[in-house]
Amino acid sequence: MLQKARGVAMGLALILAPAGCSDDGDSGGGDGGGAGGGAADAPFAPSQPAQAIPSKLVAPKGWKGMEPSVRDGAEARKFCEQAAQWGCAGLTAFATTRYLMLESGGETDADFTLLAYDSVESAKAGMKTMVAENHEGDPGTIKPLTIDVGADETDAYAKDGKFTVAALRVGTVVALVIGESLPKEHDLRSFATTQVQRITTAATGKNPDA
């Protein structure tokens, strides 16, 4: 299911015109500790998903960020349903992007997918569906990880010694971060932290890139 998630995310990024702008030593699953209280518990306004998805501006040195793709409303739900792997009930927006490590020849990257929902309840259901889909397949190839990045819910793991994955819920938003061959200085934790921080900042009405 991991390759399917990456394929869906990048398929959307390539199909859609832009709408606007690891820690391998950890073990065990975990809850991030609850950063989603307050502003993040309210549904995102139309402009906020584009602000919350990681932008080209904040790609780490030595990395190239792709232009994010963002769709909302009925169009977002349509693509979600076509992907047939995430909870689409209550979905209000769908965003994707990718970072590529320049010196890796395309072998090292980080994919970001963001799903905004109309309520915390819908987001919790979406998170449950995402986690179930992520873990479908051979459980013997999955190593649980604990990463505390301040999300309301976190499910992280390493797979096949190459991929690291984190599903994150912050209030009404669910995010998926998938890293391939990430280096120690830019591991799953660092990218997941960036994603959570951008969600919480956007939820307060501020632009994370301002």
C-alpha atoms as a PDB file:
ATOM      1  CA  MET A   1       0.000   0.000   0.000  1.00  0.00           C
ATOM      2  CA  LEU A   2       3.014   2.330   0.473  1.00  0.00           C
ATOM      3  CA  GLN A   3       3.828   2.507  -3.235  1.00  0.00           C
ATOM      4  CA  LYS A   4       0.149   3.119  -3.945  1.00  0.00           C
ATOM      5  CA  ALA A   5       0.090   6.077  -1.579  1.00  0.00           C
ATOM      6  CA  ARG A   6       3.188   7.583  -3.204  1.00  0.00           C
ATOM      7  CA  GLY A   7       1.785   6.973  -6.655  1.00  0.00           C
ATOM      8  CA  VAL A   8      -1.545   8.590  -5.853  1.00  0.00           C
ATOM      9  CA  ALA A   9       0.061  11.628  -4.272  1.00  0.00           C
ATOM     10  CA  MET A  10       2.448  12.245  -7.137  1.00  0.00           C
ATOM     11  CA  GLY A  11      -0.162  11.409  -9.752  1.00  0.00           C
ATOM     12  CA  LEU A  12      -2.298  14.211  -8.368  1.00  0.00           C
ATOM     13  CA  ALA A  13       0.673  16.561  -8.234  1.00  0.00           C
ATOM     14  CA  LEU A  14       1.418  15.930 -11.906  1.00  0.00           C
ATOM     15  CA  ILE A  15      -2.177  15.894 -13.147  1.00  0.00           C
ATOM     16  CA  LEU A  16      -3.380  18.984 -11.329  1.00  0.00           C
ATOM     17  CA  ALA A  17      -2.163  22.443 -12.203  1.00  0.00           C
ATOM     18  CA  PRO A  18      -1.046  24.370  -9.100  1.00  0.00           C
ATOM     19  CA  ALA A  19      -3.961  26.055  -7.364  1.00  0.00           C
ATOM     20  CA  GLY A  20      -1.875  28.742  -5.746  1.00  0.00           C
ATOM     21  CA  CYS A  21       0.863  29.047  -4.381  1.00  0.00           C
ATOM     22  CA  SER A  22      13.271   9.117  10.908  1.00  0.00           C
ATOM     23  CA  ASP A  23      14.345   8.412  13.266  1.00  0.00           C
ATOM     24  CA  ASP A  24      15.387   4.781  12.712  1.00  0.00           C
ATOM     25  CA  GLY A  25      16.480   4.428  16.310  1.00  0.00           C
ATOM     26  CA  ASP A  26      12.992   4.883  17.736  1.00  0.00           C
ATOM     27  CA  SER A  27      10.529   2.090  18.302  1.00  0.00           C
ATOM     28  CA  GLY A  28       6.879   1.763  19.191  1.00  0.00           C
ATOM     29  CA  GLY A  29       3.807   3.665  18.037  1.00  0.00           C
ATOM     30  CA  GLY A  30       2.708   6.890  19.629  1.00  0.00           C
ATOM     31  CA  ASP A  31       0.467   9.868  20.160  1.00  0.00           C
ATOM     32  CA  GLY A  32       2.233  13.156  19.597  1.00  0.00           C
ATOM     33  CA  GLY A  33       0.779  14.947  22.594  1.00  0.00           C
ATOM     34  CA  GLY A  34      -1.900  17.263  21.231  1.00  0.00           C
ATOM     35  CA  ALA A  35      -1.015  20.413  19.326  1.00  0.00           C
ATOM     36  CA  GLY A  36      -4.360  20.602  17.609  1.00  0.00           C
ATOM     37  CA  GLY A  37      -6.383  22.237  20.367  1.00  0.00           C
ATOM     38  CA  GLY A  38      -8.004  25.592  19.722  1.00  0.00           C
ATOM     39  CA  ALA A  39      -7.629  27.047  16.228  1.00  0.00           C
ATOM     40  CA  ALA A  40      -6.716  23.740  14.588  1.00  0.00           C
ATOM     41  CA  ASP A  41      -9.985  22.182  15.756  1.00  0.00           C
ATOM     42  CA  ALA A  42     -11.946  24.510  13.452  1.00  0.00           C
ATOM     43  CA  PRO A  43     -12.348  23.574   9.769  1.00  0.00           C
ATOM     44  CA  PHE A  44      -9.769  25.142   7.476  1.00  0.00           C
ATOM     45  CA  ALA A  45     -10.780  28.127   5.370  1.00  0.00           C
ATOM     46  CA  PRO A  46     -10.255  27.705   1.573  1.00  0.00           C
ATOM     47  CA  SER A  47      -6.864  29.464   1.636  1.00  0.00           C
ATOM     48  CA  GLN A  48      -5.351  27.503   4.511  1.00  0.00           C
ATOM     49  CA  PRO A  49      -4.501  24.103   2.937  1.00  0.00           C
ATOM     50  CA  ALA A  50      -2.255  25.846   0.396  1.00  0.00           C
ATOM     51  CA  GLN A  51      -0.453  27.530   3.300  1.00  0.00           C
ATOM     52  CA  ALA A  52      -0.217  24.404   5.446  1.00  0.00           C
ATOM     53  CA  ILE A  53       1.318  22.068   2.829  1.00  0.00           C
ATOM     54  CA  PRO A  54       5.146  22.481   2.827  1.00  0.00           C
ATOM     55  CA  SER A  55       6.197  25.099   0.276  1.00  0.00           C
ATOM     56  CA  LYS A  56       9.167  25.327  -2.052  1.00  0.00           C
ATOM     57  CA  LEU A  57      10.491  28.153   0.136  1.00  0.00           C
ATOM     58  CA  VAL A  58      11.116  25.946   3.173  1.00  0.00           C
ATOM     59  CA  ALA A  59      12.799  23.021   1.406  1.00  0.00           C
ATOM     60  CA  PRO A  60      16.042  22.274   3.311  1.00  0.00           C
ATOM     61  CA  LYS A  61      19.365  23.300   1.803  1.00  0.00           C
ATOM     62  CA  GLY A  62      20.341  20.759  -0.827  1.00  0.00           C
ATOM     63  CA  TRP A  63      16.700  19.882  -1.538  1.00  0.00           C
ATOM     64  CA  LYS A  64      14.292  21.020  -4.244  1.00  0.00           C
ATOM     65  CA  GLY A  65      10.614  21.499  -3.479  1.00  0.00           C
ATOM     66  CA  MET A  66       7.955  20.889  -6.127  1.00  0.00           C
ATOM     67  CA  GLU A  67       5.065  23.302  -6.613  1.00  0.00           C
ATOM     68  CA  PRO A  68       2.236  22.116  -4.322  1.00  0.00           C
ATOM     69  CA  SER A  69      -1.066  21.022  -5.865  1.00  0.00           C
ATOM     70  CA  VAL A  70      -4.228  21.934  -3.964  1.00  0.00           C
ATOM     71  CA  ARG A  71      -7.876  21.204  -4.757  1.00  0.00           C
ATOM     72  CA  ASP A  72     -10.936  21.757  -2.624  1.00  0.00           C
ATOM     73  CA  GLY A  73     -14.638  21.016  -2.405  1.00  0.00           C
ATOM     74  CA  ALA A  74     -16.209  18.482  -4.771  1.00  0.00           C
ATOM     75  CA  GLU A  75     -13.010  18.205  -6.809  1.00  0.00           C
ATOM     76  CA  ALA A  76     -11.015  17.193  -3.732  1.00  0.00           C
ATOM     77  CA  ARG A  77     -13.577  14.537  -2.817  1.00  0.00           C
ATOM     78  CA  LYS A  78     -13.602  13.214  -6.388  1.00  0.00           C
ATOM     79  CA  PHE A  79      -9.847  12.622  -6.402  1.00  0.00           C
ATOM     80  CA  CYS A  80      -9.992  11.148  -2.903  1.00  0.00           C
ATOM     81  CA  GLU A  81     -12.627   8.671  -4.017  1.00  0.00           C
ATOM     82  CA  GLN A  82     -10.600   7.763  -7.106  1.00  0.00           C
ATOM     83  CA  ALA A  83      -7.590   7.063  -4.898  1.00  0.00           C
ATOM     84  CA  ALA A  84      -9.791   4.704  -2.854  1.00  0.00           C
ATOM     85  CA  GLN A  85      -7.436   4.596   0.095  1.00  0.00           C
ATOM     86  CA  TRP A  86      -8.349   7.520   2.348  1.00  0.00           C
ATOM     87  CA  GLY A  87     -11.491   8.523   4.211  1.00  0.00           C
ATOM     88  CA  CYS A  88     -13.342  11.004   1.978  1.00  0.00           C
ATOM     89  CA  ALA A  89     -16.413  11.753   4.141  1.00  0.00           C
ATOM     90  CA  GLY A  90     -16.272  15.382   5.227  1.00  0.00           C
ATOM     91  CA  LEU A  91     -13.180  16.114   3.109  1.00  0.00           C
ATOM     92  CA  THR A  92     -12.925  19.797   2.161  1.00  0.00           C
ATOM     93  CA  ALA A  93      -9.449  20.013   0.587  1.00  0.00           C
ATOM     94  CA  PHE A  94      -6.618  17.825  -0.691  1.00  0.00           C
ATOM     95  CA  ALA A  95      -3.003  18.951  -1.152  1.00  0.00           C
ATOM     96  CA  THR A  96       0.215  17.228  -2.220  1.00  0.00           C
ATOM     97  CA  THR A  97       3.858  18.078  -2.825  1.00  0.00           C
ATOM     98  CA  ARG A  98       7.305  16.478  -2.884  1.00  0.00           C
ATOM     99  CA  TYR A  99      10.844  17.394  -1.864  1.00  0.00           C
ATOM    100  CA  LEU A 100      13.793  15.906  -3.780  1.00  0.00           C
ATOM    101  CA  MET A 101      17.346  15.717  -2.449  1.00  0.00           C
ATOM    102  CA  LEU A 102      19.435  17.184  -5.260  1.00  0.00           C
ATOM    103  CA  GLU A 103      22.554  15.034  -4.848  1.00  0.00           C
ATOM    104  CA  SER A 104      20.676  11.738  -4.621  1.00  0.00           C
ATOM    105  CA  GLY A 105      19.825  11.356  -8.292  1.00  0.00           C
ATOM    106  CA  GLY A 106      16.163  11.000  -7.392  1.00  0.00           C
ATOM    107  CA  GLU A 107      16.741   8.223  -4.855  1.00  0.00           C
ATOM    108  CA  THR A 108      15.976  10.365  -1.782  1.00  0.00           C
ATOM    109  CA  ASP A 109      12.712  12.239  -1.420  1.00  0.00           C
ATOM    110  CA  ALA A 110       9.866  13.176   0.901  1.00  0.00           C
ATOM    111  CA  ASP A 111       6.196  13.115  -0.151  1.00  0.00           C
ATOM    112  CA  PHE A 112       3.571  15.188   1.645  1.00  0.00           C
ATOM    113  CA  THR A 113      -0.193  14.679   1.454  1.00  0.00           C
ATOM    114  CA  LEU A 114      -2.642  16.834   3.394  1.00  0.00           C
ATOM    115  CA  LEU A 115      -6.370  16.190   3.843  1.00  0.00           C
ATOM    116  CA  ALA A 116      -8.538  18.884   5.456  1.00  0.00           C
ATOM    117  CA  TYR A 117     -11.907  17.861   6.929  1.00  0.00           C
ATOM    118  CA  ASP A 118     -15.072  19.648   8.028  1.00  0.00           C
ATOM    119  CA  SER A 119     -14.800  18.545  11.682  1.00  0.00           C
ATOM    120  CA  VAL A 120     -12.528  16.864  14.198  1.00  0.00           C
ATOM    121  CA  GLU A 121     -14.802  13.805  14.076  1.00  0.00           C
ATOM    122  CA  SER A 122     -14.395  13.488  10.291  1.00  0.00           C
ATOM    123  CA  ALA A 123     -10.628  13.939  10.641  1.00  0.00           C
ATOM    124  CA  LYS A 124     -10.443  11.205  13.287  1.00  0.00           C
ATOM    125  CA  ALA A 125     -12.293   8.847  10.924  1.00  0.00           C
ATOM    126  CA  GLY A 126      -9.963   9.873   8.109  1.00  0.00           C
ATOM    127  CA  MET A 127      -6.917   9.219  10.282  1.00  0.00           C
ATOM    128  CA  LYS A 128      -8.235   5.769  11.195  1.00  0.00           C
ATOM    129  CA  THR A 129      -8.745   4.897   7.533  1.00  0.00           C
ATOM    130  CA  MET A 130      -5.292   6.167   6.577  1.00  0.00           C
ATOM    131  CA  VAL A 131      -3.542   4.178   9.310  1.00  0.00           C
ATOM    132  CA  ALA A 132      -5.404   1.002   8.376  1.00  0.00           C
ATOM    133  CA  GLU A 133      -4.489   1.450   4.715  1.00  0.00           C
ATOM    134  CA  ASN A 134      -0.853   2.230   5.492  1.00  0.00           C
ATOM    135  CA  HIS A 135      -0.474  -0.970   7.508  1.00  0.00           C
ATOM    136  CA  GLU A 136      -2.235  -3.246   5.031  1.00  0.00           C
ATOM    137  CA  GLY A 137       0.063  -5.932   3.692  1.00  0.00           C
ATOM    138  CA  ASP A 138       2.894  -7.859   5.318  1.00  0.00           C
ATOM    139  CA  PRO A 139       3.225  -6.625   8.944  1.00  0.00           C
ATOM    140  CA  GLY A 140       6.571  -8.354   9.208  1.00  0.00           C
ATOM    141  CA  THR A 141       8.198  -5.655   7.086  1.00  0.00           C
ATOM    142  CA  ILE A 142       7.017  -2.792   9.324  1.00  0.00           C
ATOM    143  CA  LYS A 143       9.005  -1.438  12.279  1.00  0.00           C
ATOM    144  CA  PRO A 144       6.950   0.936  14.496  1.00  0.00           C
ATOM    145  CA  LEU A 145       8.541   4.297  15.305  1.00  0.00           C
ATOM    146  CA  THR A 146       7.814   6.808  18.038  1.00  0.00           C
ATOM    147  CA  ILE A 147       8.097  10.415  16.935  1.00  0.00           C
ATOM    148  CA  ASP A 148       6.729  13.186  19.157  1.00  0.00           C
ATOM    149  CA  VAL A 149       6.077  16.125  16.835  1.00  0.00           C
ATOM    150  CA  GLY A 150       3.120  17.688  18.633  1.00  0.00           C
ATOM    151  CA  ALA A 151       0.250  16.180  16.657  1.00  0.00           C
ATOM    152  CA  ASP A 152      -3.037  15.070  18.235  1.00  0.00           C
ATOM    153  CA  GLU A 153      -2.541  11.591  16.759  1.00  0.00           C
ATOM    154  CA  THR A 154       0.586  10.037  15.254  1.00  0.00           C
ATOM    155  CA  ASP A 155       1.265   6.683  13.613  1.00  0.00           C
ATOM    156  CA  ALA A 156       4.817   6.200  12.331  1.00  0.00           C
ATOM    157  CA  TYR A 157       6.854   3.275  11.070  1.00  0.00           C
ATOM    158  CA  ALA A 158       9.813   2.222   8.939  1.00  0.00           C
ATOM    159  CA  LYS A 159       9.426  -0.265   6.097  1.00  0.00           C
ATOM    160  CA  ASP A 160      11.958  -2.392   4.221  1.00  0.00           C
ATOM    161  CA  GLY A 161      14.876  -0.408   5.643  1.00  0.00           C
ATOM    162  CA  LYS A 162      14.233   2.267   3.004  1.00  0.00           C
ATOM    163  CA  PHE A 163      10.944   4.039   3.704  1.00  0.00           C
ATOM    164  CA  THR A 164       9.765   5.935   6.774  1.00  0.00           C
ATOM    165  CA  VAL A 165       6.116   6.930   7.100  1.00  0.00           C
ATOM    166  CA  ALA A 166       4.107   9.152   9.442  1.00  0.00           C
ATOM    167  CA  ALA A 167       0.346   9.686   9.511  1.00  0.00           C
ATOM    168  CA  LEU A 168      -0.499  12.760  11.583  1.00  0.00           C
ATOM    169  CA  ARG A 169      -3.717  14.389  12.743  1.00  0.00           C
ATOM    170  CA  VAL A 170      -3.785  17.979  13.932  1.00  0.00           C
ATOM    171  CA  GLY A 171      -7.332  19.071  14.726  1.00  0.00           C
ATOM    172  CA  THR A 172      -9.372  18.815  11.524  1.00  0.00           C
ATOM    173  CA  VAL A 173      -6.362  18.067   9.293  1.00  0.00           C
ATOM    174  CA  VAL A 174      -4.742  14.706   8.516  1.00  0.00           C
ATOM    175  CA  ALA A 175      -1.298  14.590   6.923  1.00  0.00           C
ATOM    176  CA  LEU A 176       0.843  11.812   5.474  1.00  0.00           C
ATOM    177  CA  VAL A 177       4.626  12.100   5.193  1.00  0.00           C
ATOM    178  CA  ILE A 178       6.546   9.397   3.318  1.00  0.00           C
ATOM    179  CA  GLY A 179      10.337   9.513   3.157  1.00  0.00           C
ATOM    180  CA  GLU A 180      12.572   7.411   0.942  1.00  0.00           C
ATOM    181  CA  SER A 181      16.202   6.859   1.984  1.00  0.00           C
ATOM    182  CA  LEU A 182      16.154   9.945   4.188  1.00  0.00           C
ATOM    183  CA  PRO A 183      19.528  11.049   5.621  1.00  0.00           C
ATOM    184  CA  LYS A 184      19.997  11.454   9.369  1.00  0.00           C
ATOM    185  CA  GLU A 185      20.022  15.258   9.211  1.00  0.00           C
ATOM    186  CA  HIS A 186      16.690  15.356   7.365  1.00  0.00           C
ATOM    187  CA  ASP A 187      14.844  12.392   8.830  1.00  0.00           C
ATOM    188  CA  LEU A 188      11.152  11.587   9.171  1.00  0.00           C
ATOM    189  CA  ARG A 189      10.895  13.495  12.446  1.00  0.00           C
ATOM    190  CA  SER A 190      12.210  16.722  10.919  1.00  0.00           C
ATOM    191  CA  PHE A 191       9.798  16.642   7.971  1.00  0.00           C
ATOM    192  CA  ALA A 192       6.846  15.621  10.160  1.00  0.00           C
ATOM    193  CA  THR A 193       7.678  18.483  12.535  1.00  0.00           C
ATOM    194  CA  THR A 194       7.680  20.917   9.624  1.00  0.00           C
ATOM    195  CA  GLN A 195       4.285  19.653   8.493  1.00  0.00           C
ATOM    196  CA  VAL A 196       2.693  19.887  11.960  1.00  0.00           C
ATOM    197  CA  GLN A 197       4.107  23.369  12.560  1.00  0.00           C
ATOM    198  CA  ARG A 198       2.726  24.618   9.244  1.00  0.00           C
ATOM    199  CA  ILE A 199      -0.726  23.201   9.989  1.00  0.00           C
ATOM    200  CA  THR A 200      -0.857  24.836  13.419  1.00  0.00           C
ATOM    201  CA  THR A 201       0.438  28.163  12.088  1.00  0.00           C
ATOM    202  CA  ALA A 202      -2.025  28.217   9.178  1.00  0.00           C
ATOM    203  CA  ALA A 203      -4.836  27.339  11.593  1.00  0.00           C
ATOM    204  CA  THR A 204      -4.229  30.595  13.477  1.00  0.00           C
ATOM    205  CA  GLY A 205      -4.727  32.589  10.283  1.00  0.00           C
ATOM    206  CA  LYS A 206      -1.030  33.249   9.735  1.00  0.00           C
ATOM    207  CA  ASN A 207       0.951  32.357   6.597  1.00  0.00           C
ATOM    208  CA  PRO A 208       3.850  30.042   7.584  1.00  0.00           C
ATOM    209  CA  ASP A 209       5.984  31.588   4.817  1.00  0.00           C
ATOM    210  CA  ALA A 210       5.364  35.190   5.881  1.00  0.00           C
END
